[in-house]
């Protein structure tokens, strides 16, 4: 009987301690807004019209 009570106490203490930890974020928070400007050129040095640039 003492072993059962000790096991229950140990398990409940472990669960309580693990519940107090902060969760680790899976995704990094976004960076602050930045403005990017420039000219997109192809291999020949000509301007690419309507180019879409993603970061």
C-alpha atoms as a PDB file:
ATOM      1  CA  UNK A   1       0.000   0.000   0.000  1.00  0.00           C
ATOM      2  CA  UNK A   2       2.854   2.398   0.815  1.00  0.00           C
ATOM      3  CA  UNK A   3       4.478   1.707  -2.546  1.00  0.00           C
ATOM      4  CA  UNK A   4       1.230   2.553  -4.344  1.00  0.00           C
ATOM      5  CA  UNK A   5       0.823   5.838  -2.462  1.00  0.00           C
ATOM      6  CA  UNK A   6       4.460   6.734  -3.103  1.00  0.00           C
ATOM      7  CA  UNK A   7       4.044   5.994  -6.819  1.00  0.00           C
ATOM      8  CA  UNK A   8       0.900   8.144  -7.040  1.00  0.00           C
ATOM      9  CA  UNK A   9       2.605  10.987  -5.180  1.00  0.00           C
ATOM     10  CA  UNK A  10       5.662  10.780  -7.426  1.00  0.00           C
ATOM     11  CA  UNK A  11       3.599  10.774 -10.613  1.00  0.00           C
ATOM     12  CA  UNK A  12       1.411  13.685  -9.498  1.00  0.00           C
ATOM     13  CA  UNK A  13       4.466  15.730  -8.476  1.00  0.00           C
ATOM     14  CA  UNK A  14       6.133  15.043 -11.823  1.00  0.00           C
ATOM     15  CA  UNK A  15       3.010  16.096 -13.741  1.00  0.00           C
ATOM     16  CA  UNK A  16       2.639  19.275 -11.698  1.00  0.00           C
ATOM     17  CA  UNK A  17       6.253  20.278 -12.281  1.00  0.00           C
ATOM     18  CA  UNK A  18       6.110  19.575 -16.016  1.00  0.00           C
ATOM     19  CA  UNK A  19       2.890  21.595 -16.356  1.00  0.00           C
ATOM     20  CA  UNK A  20       4.666  24.722 -15.087  1.00  0.00           C
ATOM     21  CA  UNK A  21       7.246  24.809 -17.864  1.00  0.00           C
ATOM     22  CA  UNK A  22       6.729  27.342 -20.633  1.00  0.00           C
ATOM     23  CA  UNK A  23       6.037  25.741 -24.024  1.00  0.00           C
ATOM     24  CA  UNK A  24       8.740  26.070 -26.668  1.00  0.00           C
ATOM     25  CA  UNK A  25       7.466  28.073 -29.676  1.00  0.00           C
ATOM     26  CA  UNK A  26       7.438  25.996 -32.856  1.00  0.00           C
ATOM     27  CA  UNK A  27       7.644  29.028 -35.152  1.00  0.00           C
ATOM     28  CA  UNK A  28       9.957  31.982 -34.674  1.00  0.00           C
ATOM     29  CA  UNK A  29       8.182  35.327 -34.268  1.00  0.00           C
ATOM     30  CA  UNK A  30       8.087  37.496 -37.394  1.00  0.00           C
ATOM     31  CA  UNK A  31      10.726  40.138 -37.941  1.00  0.00           C
ATOM     32  CA  UNK A  32       9.757  43.806 -37.842  1.00  0.00           C
ATOM     33  CA  UNK A  33       8.487  45.301 -41.098  1.00  0.00           C
ATOM     34  CA  UNK A  34      11.260  46.266 -43.516  1.00  0.00           C
ATOM     35  CA  UNK A  35      11.046  47.999 -46.859  1.00  0.00           C
ATOM     36  CA  UNK A  36      13.067  46.588 -49.750  1.00  0.00           C
ATOM     37  CA  UNK A  37      13.534  48.378 -53.037  1.00  0.00           C
ATOM     38  CA  UNK A  38      15.604  47.812 -56.123  1.00  0.00           C
ATOM     39  CA  UNK A  39      15.633  46.721 -59.753  1.00  0.00           C
ATOM     40  CA  UNK A  40      15.455  43.086 -60.888  1.00  0.00           C
ATOM     41  CA  UNK A  41      17.547  42.293 -63.938  1.00  0.00           C
ATOM     42  CA  UNK A  42      17.969  39.102 -65.941  1.00  0.00           C
ATOM     43  CA  UNK A  43      21.213  37.478 -67.143  1.00  0.00           C
ATOM     44  CA  UNK A  44      21.478  39.938 -70.036  1.00  0.00           C
ATOM     45  CA  UNK A  45      21.166  42.948 -67.721  1.00  0.00           C
ATOM     46  CA  UNK A  46      17.679  43.848 -68.901  1.00  0.00           C
ATOM     47  CA  UNK A  47      15.014  44.948 -66.424  1.00  0.00           C
ATOM     48  CA  UNK A  48      12.472  42.247 -65.556  1.00  0.00           C
ATOM     49  CA  UNK A  49       8.986  43.748 -65.649  1.00  0.00           C
ATOM     50  CA  UNK A  50       6.486  42.455 -63.083  1.00  0.00           C
ATOM     51  CA  UNK A  51       9.037  40.460 -61.086  1.00  0.00           C
ATOM     52  CA  UNK A  52       7.870  39.138 -57.723  1.00  0.00           C
ATOM     53  CA  UNK A  53      10.531  38.981 -55.024  1.00  0.00           C
ATOM     54  CA  UNK A  54       9.960  37.111 -51.761  1.00  0.00           C
ATOM     55  CA  UNK A  55      12.161  37.037 -48.717  1.00  0.00           C
END
